[in-house]
Amino acid sequence: MTASAQEPKAIKTVKVTQSLNDTALYEVKNDGTVLIDWDEVEALAASKQNPLLLPQAQVMLAIRDGKWKAMDHAK
């Protein structure tokens, strides 16, 4: 190993917040129930206009539609 391979990589932390005016894709109730607004999720994924929420909408649709696969961490 070279010296540079042993040094930790710098990580930049970015906090993403959603304003009250933004679209809410889901709501978690006090009892743990998750309510999903599928119409909003589908509209957001189709429009691709909100780069902060687009990946979340795409993941939600992939899980719902059974198009997800587990990551192979052995690579």
Protein backbone atom coordinates (compact mmCIF):
# COMPACT_ATOMS: atom_id res chain seq x y z
CA MET A 1 0.00 0.00 0.00
CA THR A 2 1.15 3.48 -0.72
CA ALA A 3 1.06 6.23 1.85
CA SER A 4 -1.84 7.95 0.06
CA ALA A 5 -3.94 4.76 0.12
CA GLN A 6 -3.66 4.64 3.92
CA GLU A 7 -4.80 8.22 4.49
CA PRO A 8 -8.49 8.70 5.23
CA LYS A 9 -10.51 10.34 2.49
CA ALA A 10 -12.05 13.72 3.20
CA ILE A 11 -15.82 13.60 3.57
CA LYS A 12 -18.02 16.61 3.04
CA THR A 13 -21.24 16.52 5.03
CA VAL A 14 -24.24 18.17 3.45
CA LYS A 15 -27.45 18.66 5.40
CA VAL A 16 -30.51 18.57 3.20
CA THR A 17 -33.68 20.04 4.62
CA GLN A 18 -37.11 20.24 3.12
CA SER A 19 -39.00 23.49 3.51
CA LEU A 20 -42.65 23.45 4.49
CA ASN A 21 -43.52 24.60 0.98
CA ASP A 22 -41.95 21.52 -0.64
CA THR A 23 -43.84 18.40 -1.50
CA ALA A 24 -44.23 15.78 1.20
CA LEU A 25 -43.92 12.31 -0.29
CA TYR A 26 -44.71 10.47 2.94
CA GLU A 27 -45.70 10.94 6.55
CA VAL A 28 -44.69 8.77 9.52
CA LYS A 29 -47.39 8.52 12.17
CA ASN A 30 -46.64 8.19 15.90
CA ASP A 31 -47.43 4.46 15.79
CA GLY A 32 -44.84 3.92 13.03
CA THR A 33 -47.35 3.72 10.18
CA VAL A 34 -45.99 5.27 6.99
CA LEU A 35 -48.49 7.02 4.73
CA ILE A 36 -47.19 7.45 1.16
CA ASP A 37 -48.68 9.87 -1.35
CA TRP A 38 -48.18 7.68 -4.43
CA ASP A 39 -49.70 10.26 -6.78
CA GLU A 40 -47.11 12.81 -5.62
CA VAL A 41 -44.26 10.26 -5.79
CA GLU A 42 -45.20 9.31 -9.36
CA ALA A 43 -45.61 12.94 -10.46
CA LEU A 44 -42.25 13.94 -8.98
CA ALA A 45 -40.44 10.98 -10.56
CA ALA A 46 -41.98 11.74 -13.95
CA SER A 47 -41.26 15.47 -13.85
CA LYS A 48 -37.67 15.16 -12.55
CA GLN A 49 -37.95 18.79 -11.44
CA ASN A 50 -36.82 18.47 -7.82
CA PRO A 51 -33.23 17.16 -7.73
CA LEU A 52 -33.32 16.78 -3.93
CA LEU A 53 -36.42 14.59 -3.79
CA LEU A 54 -36.09 12.83 -7.17
CA PRO A 55 -33.78 10.03 -5.92
CA GLN A 56 -36.11 9.38 -2.98
CA ALA A 57 -39.13 9.15 -5.30
CA GLN A 58 -37.26 6.82 -7.66
CA VAL A 59 -36.27 4.51 -4.80
CA MET A 60 -39.82 4.46 -3.44
CA LEU A 61 -41.17 3.48 -6.87
CA ALA A 62 -38.50 0.82 -7.36
CA ILE A 63 -39.36 -0.79 -4.03
CA ARG A 64 -43.10 -0.61 -4.71
CA ASP A 65 -42.71 -2.06 -8.21
CA GLY A 66 -40.25 -4.80 -7.16
CA LYS A 67 -37.44 -3.42 -9.36
CA TRP A 68 -34.81 -3.17 -6.62
CA LYS A 69 -31.92 -5.52 -5.93
CA ALA A 70 -29.78 -5.94 -2.85
CA MET A 71 -26.27 -4.48 -3.07
CA ASP A 72 -23.42 -6.97 -3.30
CA HIS A 73 -20.87 -5.71 -0.78
CA ALA A 74 -18.46 -8.54 -1.59
CA LYS A 75 -17.14 -6.74 -4.68
